[in-house]
Amino acid sequence: MAKLQKVAQSAVRTVQRGLNPALEIRTRSLSNVAFNPKKRIIELGDKTQSREFFNTAMARKFMQTMLVANGCKQLLEQNKTVSIRQMFYMTKHTIKGTNENTFEDQSESDPVIEDLEVAIDALREELHLFANRRGLVVGEMVVEDAGDRIDLARLGRGGWGIPSICEEQDLKFISHKAEYVLLVEKQAVFHRLNEDKFWRTNKCILMTSEGQGARGVRRLLQRFSTELNIPIYVLVDNDPWGLYIYSVLKQGSISLAYESMRMAVPGVRFLGMSSNDYKKFTLPPAVEIKLSKEDITRANQMKAYPWFAHKKWQGEIN
């Protein structure tokens, strides 16, 4: 609350002095991230960008940031929590006397929330915001979520939806019998393994990220690694998108580099086919899928990232 108030008070004082109010926010882009080889994670640098109110190129972003900050302040005052989707609707309206909306869609408000996190050094959860559940988990483990005990081995065929807030004070680990964690990229693979009770016969916790891992999935995976101290394996497609999903879980991402310490799992292990297995095991042509132009473009982007500079990464991507 104090940090939000400080942002607003600073802007007001600047206006009262007849000056141009501005927000200094660390840049969340490739030019301001670096791979820390000791920690083996991607970290956000110190470069900042200024959002000035009296600047036609920045005024809209300045206004949007203040709207979201005010919305979060109201949530904290009322001790209420809403989804990031609800925050979009809370802050969207047509500006009086114009045909201009404060936000057009959620793709505008979500990055503003992330910028606010960086600006005041606070987590989204601390601002009383959450995202919809994404990802599933099942296995012989008991957890406590908001005071309710949940047996992850007694959830039928569906699995338990992973919440976006997986901090220790909200989600507690009560007991488990797992020897390792297996995260699969595809939900279809998860359901196949869950139906066979793979997690029971193989004494593991089975998860799916349903594609690129959401914050809750990544945070839960890191907690499994640090608190349960068991190996974590990731099964993804052998294409640029699958490799990047694995990379994000392992060392973090560009857009959320400021969260890497809380989300990245450097010790996570790759499970699946490598790029050379097709020839090595003389697999039939039926298993091969040609890379699309989009796949090739993505692969070239990844090759240029410093954290993919290692020859093993380059060999896989090539």
C-alpha atoms as a PDB file:
ATOM      1  CA  MET A   1       0.000   0.000   0.000  1.00  0.00           C
ATOM      2  CA  ALA A   2       2.750   2.440   0.993  1.00  0.00           C
ATOM      3  CA  LYS A   3       4.604   1.847  -2.279  1.00  0.00           C
ATOM      4  CA  LEU A   4       1.469   2.537  -4.333  1.00  0.00           C
ATOM      5  CA  GLN A   5       0.781   5.707  -2.376  1.00  0.00           C
ATOM      6  CA  LYS A   6       4.363   6.845  -2.890  1.00  0.00           C
ATOM      7  CA  VAL A   7       3.958   6.557  -6.683  1.00  0.00           C
ATOM      8  CA  ALA A   8       0.783   8.671  -6.630  1.00  0.00           C
ATOM      9  CA  GLN A   9       2.144  11.260  -4.188  1.00  0.00           C
ATOM     10  CA  SER A  10       5.279  11.719  -6.276  1.00  0.00           C
ATOM     11  CA  ALA A  11       3.193  12.376  -9.402  1.00  0.00           C
ATOM     12  CA  VAL A  12       0.960  14.879  -7.574  1.00  0.00           C
ATOM     13  CA  ARG A  13       3.916  16.801  -6.133  1.00  0.00           C
ATOM     14  CA  THR A  14       5.528  16.980  -9.578  1.00  0.00           C
ATOM     15  CA  VAL A  15       2.347  18.414 -11.126  1.00  0.00           C
ATOM     16  CA  GLN A  16       2.011  20.943  -8.289  1.00  0.00           C
ATOM     17  CA  ARG A  17       5.494  22.201  -9.113  1.00  0.00           C
ATOM     18  CA  GLY A  18       4.432  22.687 -12.728  1.00  0.00           C
ATOM     19  CA  LEU A  19       6.661  19.864 -13.954  1.00  0.00           C
ATOM     20  CA  ASN A  20       6.056  16.791 -16.101  1.00  0.00           C
ATOM     21  CA  PRO A  21       5.153  13.735 -13.952  1.00  0.00           C
ATOM     22  CA  ALA A  22       6.927  10.548 -14.966  1.00  0.00           C
ATOM     23  CA  LEU A  23       7.295   6.934 -13.907  1.00  0.00           C
ATOM     24  CA  GLU A  24      10.651   5.149 -14.019  1.00  0.00           C
ATOM     25  CA  ILE A  25      10.203   1.456 -14.793  1.00  0.00           C
ATOM     26  CA  ARG A  26      12.900  -1.125 -15.432  1.00  0.00           C
ATOM     27  CA  THR A  27      12.816  -2.248 -19.061  1.00  0.00           C
ATOM     28  CA  ARG A  28      11.433  -5.763 -19.546  1.00  0.00           C
ATOM     29  CA  SER A  29      13.023  -6.624 -22.879  1.00  0.00           C
ATOM     30  CA  LEU A  30      15.885  -8.666 -24.325  1.00  0.00           C
ATOM     31  CA  SER A  31      18.197  -5.637 -24.139  1.00  0.00           C
ATOM     32  CA  ASN A  32      17.878  -5.550 -20.337  1.00  0.00           C
ATOM     33  CA  VAL A  33      18.198  -9.195 -19.346  1.00  0.00           C
ATOM     34  CA  ALA A  34      21.281 -11.325 -18.807  1.00  0.00           C
ATOM     35  CA  PHE A  35      22.007 -14.950 -18.022  1.00  0.00           C
ATOM     36  CA  ASN A  36      23.696 -15.450 -14.652  1.00  0.00           C
ATOM     37  CA  PRO A  37      25.977 -18.494 -15.134  1.00  0.00           C
ATOM     38  CA  LYS A  38      26.470 -19.013 -11.389  1.00  0.00           C
ATOM     39  CA  LYS A  39      22.766 -19.035 -10.556  1.00  0.00           C
ATOM     40  CA  ARG A  40      21.903 -20.472 -14.007  1.00  0.00           C
ATOM     41  CA  ILE A  41      18.920 -18.169 -14.404  1.00  0.00           C
ATOM     42  CA  ILE A  42      17.903 -15.151 -16.486  1.00  0.00           C
ATOM     43  CA  GLU A  43      17.966 -11.886 -14.516  1.00  0.00           C
ATOM     44  CA  LEU A  44      16.559  -8.429 -15.162  1.00  0.00           C
ATOM     45  CA  GLY A  45      19.062  -5.589 -15.554  1.00  0.00           C
ATOM     46  CA  ASP A  46      18.983  -1.999 -14.294  1.00  0.00           C
ATOM     47  CA  LYS A  47      18.049  -0.137 -17.495  1.00  0.00           C
ATOM     48  CA  THR A  48      14.898   1.930 -17.060  1.00  0.00           C
ATOM     49  CA  GLN A  49      12.365   3.615 -19.283  1.00  0.00           C
ATOM     50  CA  SER A  50      10.545   6.813 -18.383  1.00  0.00           C
ATOM     51  CA  ARG A  51       6.790   7.183 -18.881  1.00  0.00           C
ATOM     52  CA  GLU A  52       5.938  10.863 -19.026  1.00  0.00           C
ATOM     53  CA  PHE A  53       2.433  12.254 -18.790  1.00  0.00           C
ATOM     54  CA  PHE A  54       3.086  15.258 -21.057  1.00  0.00           C
ATOM     55  CA  ASN A  55       4.379  13.146 -23.916  1.00  0.00           C
ATOM     56  CA  THR A  56       1.986  11.995 -26.616  1.00  0.00           C
ATOM     57  CA  ALA A  57       3.903   8.746 -27.087  1.00  0.00           C
ATOM     58  CA  MET A  58       3.786   7.884 -23.380  1.00  0.00           C
ATOM     59  CA  ALA A  59       0.682   9.566 -21.955  1.00  0.00           C
ATOM     60  CA  ARG A  60      -1.573   6.563 -22.559  1.00  0.00           C
ATOM     61  CA  LYS A  61       0.777   4.134 -20.788  1.00  0.00           C
ATOM     62  CA  PHE A  62       1.223   6.603 -17.919  1.00  0.00           C
ATOM     63  CA  MET A  63      -2.551   6.882 -17.518  1.00  0.00           C
ATOM     64  CA  GLN A  64      -3.010   3.097 -17.697  1.00  0.00           C
ATOM     65  CA  THR A  65      -0.343   2.484 -15.056  1.00  0.00           C
ATOM     66  CA  MET A  66      -1.988   4.968 -12.688  1.00  0.00           C
ATOM     67  CA  LEU A  67      -5.402   3.375 -13.253  1.00  0.00           C
ATOM     68  CA  VAL A  68      -4.109  -0.093 -12.421  1.00  0.00           C
ATOM     69  CA  ALA A  69      -2.214   1.252  -9.392  1.00  0.00           C
ATOM     70  CA  ASN A  70      -5.418   2.884  -8.139  1.00  0.00           C
ATOM     71  CA  GLY A  71      -7.354  -0.338  -8.713  1.00  0.00           C
ATOM     72  CA  CYS A  72      -4.813  -2.298  -6.670  1.00  0.00           C
ATOM     73  CA  LYS A  73      -4.944   0.317  -3.903  1.00  0.00           C
ATOM     74  CA  GLN A  74      -8.727  -0.133  -3.692  1.00  0.00           C
ATOM     75  CA  LEU A  75      -8.331  -3.921  -3.463  1.00  0.00           C
ATOM     76  CA  LEU A  76      -5.830  -3.594  -0.636  1.00  0.00           C
ATOM     77  CA  GLU A  77      -8.048  -1.140   1.238  1.00  0.00           C
ATOM     78  CA  GLN A  78     -11.060  -3.454   0.906  1.00  0.00           C
ATOM     79  CA  ASN A  79      -8.988  -6.608   1.485  1.00  0.00           C
ATOM     80  CA  LYS A  80     -10.423  -8.145  -1.683  1.00  0.00           C
ATOM     81  CA  THR A  81      -8.794 -10.230  -4.408  1.00  0.00           C
ATOM     82  CA  VAL A  82      -9.748 -10.225  -8.094  1.00  0.00           C
ATOM     83  CA  SER A  83      -8.492 -11.849 -11.274  1.00  0.00           C
ATOM     84  CA  ILE A  84      -6.338  -9.970 -13.762  1.00  0.00           C
ATOM     85  CA  ARG A  85      -9.328 -10.243 -16.098  1.00  0.00           C
ATOM     86  CA  GLN A  86     -11.502  -8.442 -13.557  1.00  0.00           C
ATOM     87  CA  MET A  87      -8.843  -5.759 -13.153  1.00  0.00           C
ATOM     88  CA  PHE A  88      -9.094  -5.127 -16.899  1.00  0.00           C
ATOM     89  CA  TYR A  89     -12.841  -4.532 -16.592  1.00  0.00           C
ATOM     90  CA  MET A  90     -12.399  -2.435 -13.435  1.00  0.00           C
ATOM     91  CA  THR A  91     -10.089  -0.018 -15.228  1.00  0.00           C
ATOM     92  CA  LYS A  92     -11.700   0.038 -18.670  1.00  0.00           C
ATOM     93  CA  HIS A  93     -13.986   2.960 -19.519  1.00  0.00           C
ATOM     94  CA  THR A  94     -14.459   5.605 -22.180  1.00  0.00           C
ATOM     95  CA  ILE A  95     -12.642   8.836 -21.354  1.00  0.00           C
ATOM     96  CA  LYS A  96     -15.151  11.646 -20.883  1.00  0.00           C
ATOM     97  CA  GLY A  97     -15.542  13.890 -23.915  1.00  0.00           C
ATOM     98  CA  THR A  98     -13.757  11.470 -26.239  1.00  0.00           C
ATOM     99  CA  ASN A  99     -14.276   8.182 -28.044  1.00  0.00           C
ATOM    100  CA  GLU A 100     -11.078   6.855 -26.501  1.00  0.00           C
ATOM    101  CA  ASN A 101     -11.117   3.890 -24.105  1.00  0.00           C
ATOM    102  CA  THR A 102      -8.619   3.551 -21.284  1.00  0.00           C
ATOM    103  CA  PHE A 103      -7.978  -0.047 -22.376  1.00  0.00           C
ATOM    104  CA  GLU A 104      -9.112  -1.850 -25.508  1.00  0.00           C
ATOM    105  CA  ASP A 105      -8.461  -5.420 -24.377  1.00  0.00           C
ATOM    106  CA  GLN A 106      -6.671  -7.439 -21.720  1.00  0.00           C
ATOM    107  CA  SER A 107      -3.495  -7.676 -23.785  1.00  0.00           C
ATOM    108  CA  GLU A 108      -2.959  -4.018 -22.820  1.00  0.00           C
ATOM    109  CA  SER A 109      -3.682  -4.317 -19.096  1.00  0.00           C
ATOM    110  CA  ASP A 110      -1.676  -7.479 -18.339  1.00  0.00           C
ATOM    111  CA  PRO A 111       1.732  -5.951 -19.262  1.00  0.00           C
ATOM    112  CA  VAL A 112       0.845  -2.843 -17.242  1.00  0.00           C
ATOM    113  CA  ILE A 113       0.302  -5.054 -14.181  1.00  0.00           C
ATOM    114  CA  GLU A 114       3.726  -6.622 -14.749  1.00  0.00           C
ATOM    115  CA  ASP A 115       5.304  -3.175 -15.152  1.00  0.00           C
ATOM    116  CA  LEU A 116       3.719  -2.091 -11.870  1.00  0.00           C
ATOM    117  CA  GLU A 117       5.184  -5.150 -10.142  1.00  0.00           C
ATOM    118  CA  VAL A 118       8.639  -4.113 -11.329  1.00  0.00           C
ATOM    119  CA  ALA A 119       8.122  -0.411 -10.548  1.00  0.00           C
ATOM    120  CA  ILE A 120       7.217  -0.944  -6.892  1.00  0.00           C
ATOM    121  CA  ASP A 121       9.064  -4.244  -6.368  1.00  0.00           C
ATOM    122  CA  ALA A 122       5.937  -6.179  -5.422  1.00  0.00           C
ATOM    123  CA  LEU A 123       4.437  -9.445  -6.600  1.00  0.00           C
ATOM    124  CA  ARG A 124       1.097  -9.606  -8.373  1.00  0.00           C
ATOM    125  CA  GLU A 125      -0.247 -11.676  -5.498  1.00  0.00           C
ATOM    126  CA  GLU A 126       0.741  -8.947  -3.029  1.00  0.00           C
ATOM    127  CA  LEU A 127      -1.402  -6.543  -5.049  1.00  0.00           C
ATOM    128  CA  HIS A 128      -4.370  -8.921  -4.520  1.00  0.00           C
ATOM    129  CA  LEU A 129      -4.448 -10.071  -8.147  1.00  0.00           C
ATOM    130  CA  PHE A 130      -4.555 -13.602  -9.509  1.00  0.00           C
ATOM    131  CA  ALA A 131      -4.878 -15.358 -12.861  1.00  0.00           C
ATOM    132  CA  ASN A 132      -7.245 -18.167 -13.797  1.00  0.00           C
ATOM    133  CA  ARG A 133      -6.091 -21.666 -12.928  1.00  0.00           C
ATOM    134  CA  ARG A 134      -3.965 -23.259 -15.615  1.00  0.00           C
ATOM    135  CA  GLY A 135      -2.142 -26.562 -15.447  1.00  0.00           C
ATOM    136  CA  LEU A 136      -3.035 -29.800 -13.651  1.00  0.00           C
ATOM    137  CA  VAL A 137      -1.391 -31.971 -11.006  1.00  0.00           C
ATOM    138  CA  VAL A 138      -2.132 -35.417  -9.598  1.00  0.00           C
ATOM    139  CA  GLY A 139      -0.302 -37.932  -7.396  1.00  0.00           C
ATOM    140  CA  GLU A 140      -0.015 -39.425  -3.939  1.00  0.00           C
ATOM    141  CA  MET A 141       0.269 -36.126  -2.145  1.00  0.00           C
ATOM    142  CA  VAL A 142      -1.893 -34.161   0.269  1.00  0.00           C
ATOM    143  CA  VAL A 143      -1.918 -30.359   0.179  1.00  0.00           C
ATOM    144  CA  GLU A 144      -3.782 -27.687   2.102  1.00  0.00           C
ATOM    145  CA  ASP A 145      -5.235 -24.862   0.025  1.00  0.00           C
ATOM    146  CA  ALA A 146      -6.736 -21.940   1.961  1.00  0.00           C
ATOM    147  CA  GLY A 147      -7.427 -24.233   4.925  1.00  0.00           C
ATOM    148  CA  ASP A 148      -8.927 -27.121   2.928  1.00  0.00           C
ATOM    149  CA  ARG A 149      -7.052 -30.426   2.668  1.00  0.00           C
ATOM    150  CA  ILE A 150      -6.916 -31.946  -0.806  1.00  0.00           C
ATOM    151  CA  ASP A 151      -5.761 -35.486  -1.618  1.00  0.00           C
ATOM    152  CA  LEU A 152      -4.252 -35.282  -5.099  1.00  0.00           C
ATOM    153  CA  ALA A 153      -4.670 -39.056  -5.500  1.00  0.00           C
ATOM    154  CA  ARG A 154      -8.460 -38.860  -5.230  1.00  0.00           C
ATOM    155  CA  LEU A 155      -9.483 -36.534  -8.035  1.00  0.00           C
ATOM    156  CA  GLY A 156     -10.892 -38.923 -10.613  1.00  0.00           C
ATOM    157  CA  ARG A 157      -9.657 -38.438 -14.171  1.00  0.00           C
ATOM    158  CA  GLY A 158      -9.360 -34.665 -14.096  1.00  0.00           C
ATOM    159  CA  GLY A 159      -6.517 -33.783 -11.759  1.00  0.00           C
ATOM    160  CA  TRP A 160      -6.320 -30.673  -9.582  1.00  0.00           C
ATOM    161  CA  GLY A 161      -6.246 -27.281 -11.270  1.00  0.00           C
ATOM    162  CA  ILE A 162      -3.071 -25.434 -10.266  1.00  0.00           C
ATOM    163  CA  PRO A 163      -3.878 -21.994  -8.785  1.00  0.00           C
ATOM    164  CA  SER A 164      -1.935 -18.902  -9.803  1.00  0.00           C
ATOM    165  CA  ILE A 165      -1.035 -18.272  -6.154  1.00  0.00           C
ATOM    166  CA  CYS A 166       1.139 -21.097  -4.827  1.00  0.00           C
ATOM    167  CA  GLU A 167       3.001 -19.373  -1.997  1.00  0.00           C
ATOM    168  CA  GLU A 168       3.716 -21.198   1.267  1.00  0.00           C
ATOM    169  CA  GLN A 169       1.149 -19.224   3.248  1.00  0.00           C
ATOM    170  CA  ASP A 170      -1.604 -20.147   0.766  1.00  0.00           C
ATOM    171  CA  LEU A 171      -0.657 -23.670  -0.320  1.00  0.00           C
ATOM    172  CA  LYS A 172       0.900 -26.034   2.207  1.00  0.00           C
ATOM    173  CA  PHE A 173       2.450 -29.443   1.534  1.00  0.00           C
ATOM    174  CA  ILE A 174       1.141 -31.919   4.131  1.00  0.00           C
ATOM    175  CA  SER A 175       2.518 -35.281   2.949  1.00  0.00           C
ATOM    176  CA  HIS A 176       3.681 -37.117  -0.166  1.00  0.00           C
ATOM    177  CA  LYS A 177       5.095 -40.454  -1.381  1.00  0.00           C
ATOM    178  CA  ALA A 178       6.656 -39.184  -4.606  1.00  0.00           C
ATOM    179  CA  GLU A 179      10.191 -40.032  -5.704  1.00  0.00           C
ATOM    180  CA  TYR A 180      10.188 -37.520  -8.551  1.00  0.00           C
ATOM    181  CA  VAL A 181       8.016 -35.040 -10.478  1.00  0.00           C
ATOM    182  CA  LEU A 182       7.106 -35.505 -14.142  1.00  0.00           C
ATOM    183  CA  LEU A 183       5.770 -32.454 -15.980  1.00  0.00           C
ATOM    184  CA  VAL A 184       4.387 -33.004 -19.480  1.00  0.00           C
ATOM    185  CA  GLU A 185       3.730 -30.224 -21.972  1.00  0.00           C
ATOM    186  CA  LYS A 186       0.519 -31.603 -23.477  1.00  0.00           C
ATOM    187  CA  GLN A 187      -2.725 -32.040 -21.560  1.00  0.00           C
ATOM    188  CA  ALA A 188      -3.574 -35.046 -23.760  1.00  0.00           C
ATOM    189  CA  VAL A 189      -0.422 -36.838 -22.581  1.00  0.00           C
ATOM    190  CA  PHE A 190      -1.271 -35.968 -18.972  1.00  0.00           C
ATOM    191  CA  HIS A 191      -4.750 -37.496 -19.280  1.00  0.00           C
ATOM    192  CA  ARG A 192      -3.341 -40.628 -20.917  1.00  0.00           C
ATOM    193  CA  LEU A 193      -0.852 -41.153 -18.089  1.00  0.00           C
ATOM    194  CA  ASN A 194      -3.377 -40.205 -15.410  1.00  0.00           C
ATOM    195  CA  GLU A 195      -5.936 -42.672 -16.721  1.00  0.00           C
ATOM    196  CA  ASP A 196      -3.299 -45.403 -16.461  1.00  0.00           C
ATOM    197  CA  LYS A 197      -2.466 -44.244 -12.925  1.00  0.00           C
ATOM    198  CA  PHE A 198       1.151 -43.834 -14.039  1.00  0.00           C
ATOM    199  CA  TRP A 199       1.822 -41.670 -10.988  1.00  0.00           C
ATOM    200  CA  ARG A 200       0.817 -44.489  -8.637  1.00  0.00           C
ATOM    201  CA  THR A 201       2.810 -47.320 -10.221  1.00  0.00           C
ATOM    202  CA  ASN A 202       5.838 -45.064 -10.709  1.00  0.00           C
ATOM    203  CA  LYS A 203       5.621 -43.166  -7.404  1.00  0.00           C
ATOM    204  CA  CYS A 204       5.676 -39.689  -8.894  1.00  0.00           C
ATOM    205  CA  ILE A 205       3.776 -36.417  -8.997  1.00  0.00           C
ATOM    206  CA  LEU A 206       2.348 -35.918 -12.488  1.00  0.00           C
ATOM    207  CA  MET A 207       1.814 -32.394 -13.848  1.00  0.00           C
ATOM    208  CA  THR A 208       0.926 -30.700 -17.109  1.00  0.00           C
ATOM    209  CA  SER A 209       1.698 -27.098 -17.980  1.00  0.00           C
ATOM    210  CA  GLU A 210      -0.816 -27.137 -20.857  1.00  0.00           C
ATOM    211  CA  GLY A 211       1.746 -25.456 -23.082  1.00  0.00           C
ATOM    212  CA  GLN A 212       3.923 -22.611 -21.834  1.00  0.00           C
ATOM    213  CA  GLY A 213       4.030 -22.789 -18.059  1.00  0.00           C
ATOM    214  CA  ALA A 214       1.887 -20.248 -16.221  1.00  0.00           C
ATOM    215  CA  ARG A 215       3.211 -18.561 -13.077  1.00  0.00           C
ATOM    216  CA  GLY A 216       1.428 -20.979 -10.761  1.00  0.00           C
ATOM    217  CA  VAL A 217       2.896 -24.002 -12.547  1.00  0.00           C
ATOM    218  CA  ARG A 218       6.406 -22.575 -12.447  1.00  0.00           C
ATOM    219  CA  ARG A 219       6.178 -21.528  -8.804  1.00  0.00           C
ATOM    220  CA  LEU A 220       4.750 -24.895  -7.728  1.00  0.00           C
ATOM    221  CA  LEU A 221       7.479 -26.711  -9.654  1.00  0.00           C
ATOM    222  CA  GLN A 222      10.161 -24.676  -7.901  1.00  0.00           C
ATOM    223  CA  ARG A 223       8.620 -25.400  -4.507  1.00  0.00           C
ATOM    224  CA  PHE A 224       8.574 -29.119  -5.311  1.00  0.00           C
ATOM    225  CA  SER A 225      12.274 -28.865  -6.151  1.00  0.00           C
ATOM    226  CA  THR A 226      13.381 -26.870  -3.106  1.00  0.00           C
ATOM    227  CA  GLU A 227      11.008 -28.207  -0.440  1.00  0.00           C
ATOM    228  CA  LEU A 228      10.557 -31.855  -1.440  1.00  0.00           C
ATOM    229  CA  ASN A 229      14.125 -32.132  -2.754  1.00  0.00           C
ATOM    230  CA  ILE A 230      13.221 -34.654  -5.457  1.00  0.00           C
ATOM    231  CA  PRO A 231      14.202 -34.744  -9.166  1.00  0.00           C
ATOM    232  CA  ILE A 232      12.021 -32.984 -11.724  1.00  0.00           C
ATOM    233  CA  TYR A 233      11.692 -34.192 -15.318  1.00  0.00           C
ATOM    234  CA  VAL A 234      10.059 -32.305 -18.184  1.00  0.00           C
ATOM    235  CA  LEU A 235       8.619 -34.063 -21.248  1.00  0.00           C
ATOM    236  CA  VAL A 236       8.068 -31.696 -24.183  1.00  0.00           C
ATOM    237  CA  ASP A 237       7.748 -31.874 -27.959  1.00  0.00           C
ATOM    238  CA  ASN A 238      10.960 -31.995 -29.968  1.00  0.00           C
ATOM    239  CA  ASP A 239      10.444 -28.646 -31.675  1.00  0.00           C
ATOM    240  CA  PRO A 240      11.511 -25.033 -30.937  1.00  0.00           C
ATOM    241  CA  TRP A 241       8.365 -24.385 -28.898  1.00  0.00           C
ATOM    242  CA  GLY A 242       8.866 -27.450 -26.713  1.00  0.00           C
ATOM    243  CA  LEU A 243      12.524 -26.639 -26.123  1.00  0.00           C
ATOM    244  CA  TYR A 244      11.602 -23.081 -25.146  1.00  0.00           C
ATOM    245  CA  ILE A 245       8.973 -24.334 -22.686  1.00  0.00           C
ATOM    246  CA  TYR A 246      11.691 -26.460 -21.071  1.00  0.00           C
ATOM    247  CA  SER A 247      14.092 -23.502 -21.081  1.00  0.00           C
ATOM    248  CA  VAL A 248      11.590 -21.193 -19.353  1.00  0.00           C
ATOM    249  CA  LEU A 249      10.981 -23.740 -16.598  1.00  0.00           C
ATOM    250  CA  LYS A 250      14.725 -24.234 -16.186  1.00  0.00           C
ATOM    251  CA  GLN A 251      16.132 -20.695 -16.332  1.00  0.00           C
ATOM    252  CA  GLY A 252      13.269 -18.201 -16.609  1.00  0.00           C
ATOM    253  CA  SER A 253      11.887 -15.945 -19.333  1.00  0.00           C
ATOM    254  CA  ILE A 254      12.540 -12.469 -20.715  1.00  0.00           C
ATOM    255  CA  SER A 255       9.213 -10.906 -19.730  1.00  0.00           C
ATOM    256  CA  LEU A 256       9.316 -12.317 -16.187  1.00  0.00           C
ATOM    257  CA  ALA A 257      13.065 -12.107 -15.612  1.00  0.00           C
ATOM    258  CA  TYR A 258      12.355 -10.224 -12.375  1.00  0.00           C
ATOM    259  CA  GLU A 259      10.619 -13.380 -11.086  1.00  0.00           C
ATOM    260  CA  SER A 260      13.334 -15.909 -12.010  1.00  0.00           C
ATOM    261  CA  MET A 261      14.589 -16.329  -8.435  1.00  0.00           C
ATOM    262  CA  ARG A 262      11.083 -17.377  -7.415  1.00  0.00           C
ATOM    263  CA  MET A 263      10.181 -19.473 -10.447  1.00  0.00           C
ATOM    264  CA  ALA A 264      13.175 -20.916 -12.288  1.00  0.00           C
ATOM    265  CA  VAL A 265      14.320 -24.478 -11.541  1.00  0.00           C
ATOM    266  CA  PRO A 266      17.910 -24.786 -12.828  1.00  0.00           C
ATOM    267  CA  GLY A 267      18.080 -28.460 -11.851  1.00  0.00           C
ATOM    268  CA  VAL A 268      15.102 -29.534 -13.955  1.00  0.00           C
ATOM    269  CA  ARG A 269      15.959 -32.370 -16.373  1.00  0.00           C
ATOM    270  CA  PHE A 270      14.941 -32.837 -19.997  1.00  0.00           C
ATOM    271  CA  LEU A 271      13.028 -35.990 -20.884  1.00  0.00           C
ATOM    272  CA  GLY A 272      12.122 -36.854 -24.455  1.00  0.00           C
ATOM    273  CA  MET A 273      13.570 -37.102 -27.923  1.00  0.00           C
ATOM    274  CA  SER A 274      16.600 -35.072 -28.901  1.00  0.00           C
ATOM    275  CA  SER A 275      17.054 -33.693 -32.387  1.00  0.00           C
ATOM    276  CA  ASN A 276      19.494 -36.490 -33.272  1.00  0.00           C
ATOM    277  CA  ASP A 277      17.341 -39.390 -32.097  1.00  0.00           C
ATOM    278  CA  TYR A 278      15.450 -39.579 -35.398  1.00  0.00           C
ATOM    279  CA  LYS A 279      18.578 -40.731 -37.220  1.00  0.00           C
ATOM    280  CA  LYS A 280      20.239 -42.437 -34.260  1.00  0.00           C
ATOM    281  CA  PHE A 281      17.371 -44.884 -33.789  1.00  0.00           C
ATOM    282  CA  THR A 282      16.357 -45.002 -37.480  1.00  0.00           C
ATOM    283  CA  LEU A 283      12.797 -43.995 -36.663  1.00  0.00           C
ATOM    284  CA  PRO A 284      10.153 -44.339 -39.397  1.00  0.00           C
ATOM    285  CA  PRO A 285       9.153 -41.296 -41.510  1.00  0.00           C
ATOM    286  CA  ALA A 286       5.673 -41.394 -39.933  1.00  0.00           C
ATOM    287  CA  VAL A 287       6.997 -39.795 -36.722  1.00  0.00           C
ATOM    288  CA  GLU A 288       8.545 -36.810 -38.513  1.00  0.00           C
ATOM    289  CA  ILE A 289       6.786 -33.448 -38.814  1.00  0.00           C
ATOM    290  CA  LYS A 290       8.441 -30.831 -41.015  1.00  0.00           C
ATOM    291  CA  LEU A 291       9.193 -27.506 -39.356  1.00  0.00           C
ATOM    292  CA  SER A 292       7.005 -24.633 -40.540  1.00  0.00           C
ATOM    293  CA  LYS A 293       8.333 -21.170 -41.420  1.00  0.00           C
ATOM    294  CA  GLU A 294       7.088 -20.017 -38.012  1.00  0.00           C
ATOM    295  CA  ASP A 295       9.017 -22.849 -36.325  1.00  0.00           C
ATOM    296  CA  ILE A 296      12.217 -21.916 -38.161  1.00  0.00           C
ATOM    297  CA  THR A 297      11.813 -18.226 -37.292  1.00  0.00           C
ATOM    298  CA  ARG A 298      11.357 -19.114 -33.625  1.00  0.00           C
ATOM    299  CA  ALA A 299      14.407 -21.390 -33.703  1.00  0.00           C
ATOM    300  CA  ASN A 300      16.563 -18.603 -35.160  1.00  0.00           C
ATOM    301  CA  GLN A 301      15.354 -16.211 -32.444  1.00  0.00           C
ATOM    302  CA  MET A 302      16.285 -18.715 -29.749  1.00  0.00           C
ATOM    303  CA  LYS A 303      19.745 -19.316 -31.214  1.00  0.00           C
ATOM    304  CA  ALA A 304      20.498 -15.607 -30.818  1.00  0.00           C
ATOM    305  CA  TYR A 305      19.646 -15.528 -27.094  1.00  0.00           C
ATOM    306  CA  PRO A 306      22.812 -15.597 -24.922  1.00  0.00           C
ATOM    307  CA  TRP A 307      21.452 -18.375 -22.679  1.00  0.00           C
ATOM    308  CA  PHE A 308      21.185 -20.659 -25.718  1.00  0.00           C
ATOM    309  CA  ALA A 309      24.826 -20.069 -26.691  1.00  0.00           C
ATOM    310  CA  HIS A 310      26.045 -23.382 -25.248  1.00  0.00           C
ATOM    311  CA  LYS A 311      26.990 -25.824 -27.998  1.00  0.00           C
ATOM    312  CA  LYS A 312      24.516 -28.442 -26.735  1.00  0.00           C
ATOM    313  CA  TRP A 313      21.640 -25.953 -27.026  1.00  0.00           C
ATOM    314  CA  GLN A 314      22.858 -24.852 -30.449  1.00  0.00           C
ATOM    315  CA  GLY A 315      23.067 -28.475 -31.545  1.00  0.00           C
ATOM    316  CA  GLU A 316      19.491 -29.173 -30.482  1.00  0.00           C
ATOM    317  CA  ILE A 317      18.069 -26.037 -32.087  1.00  0.00           C
ATOM    318  CA  ASN A 318      19.968 -26.552 -35.352  1.00  0.00           C
END
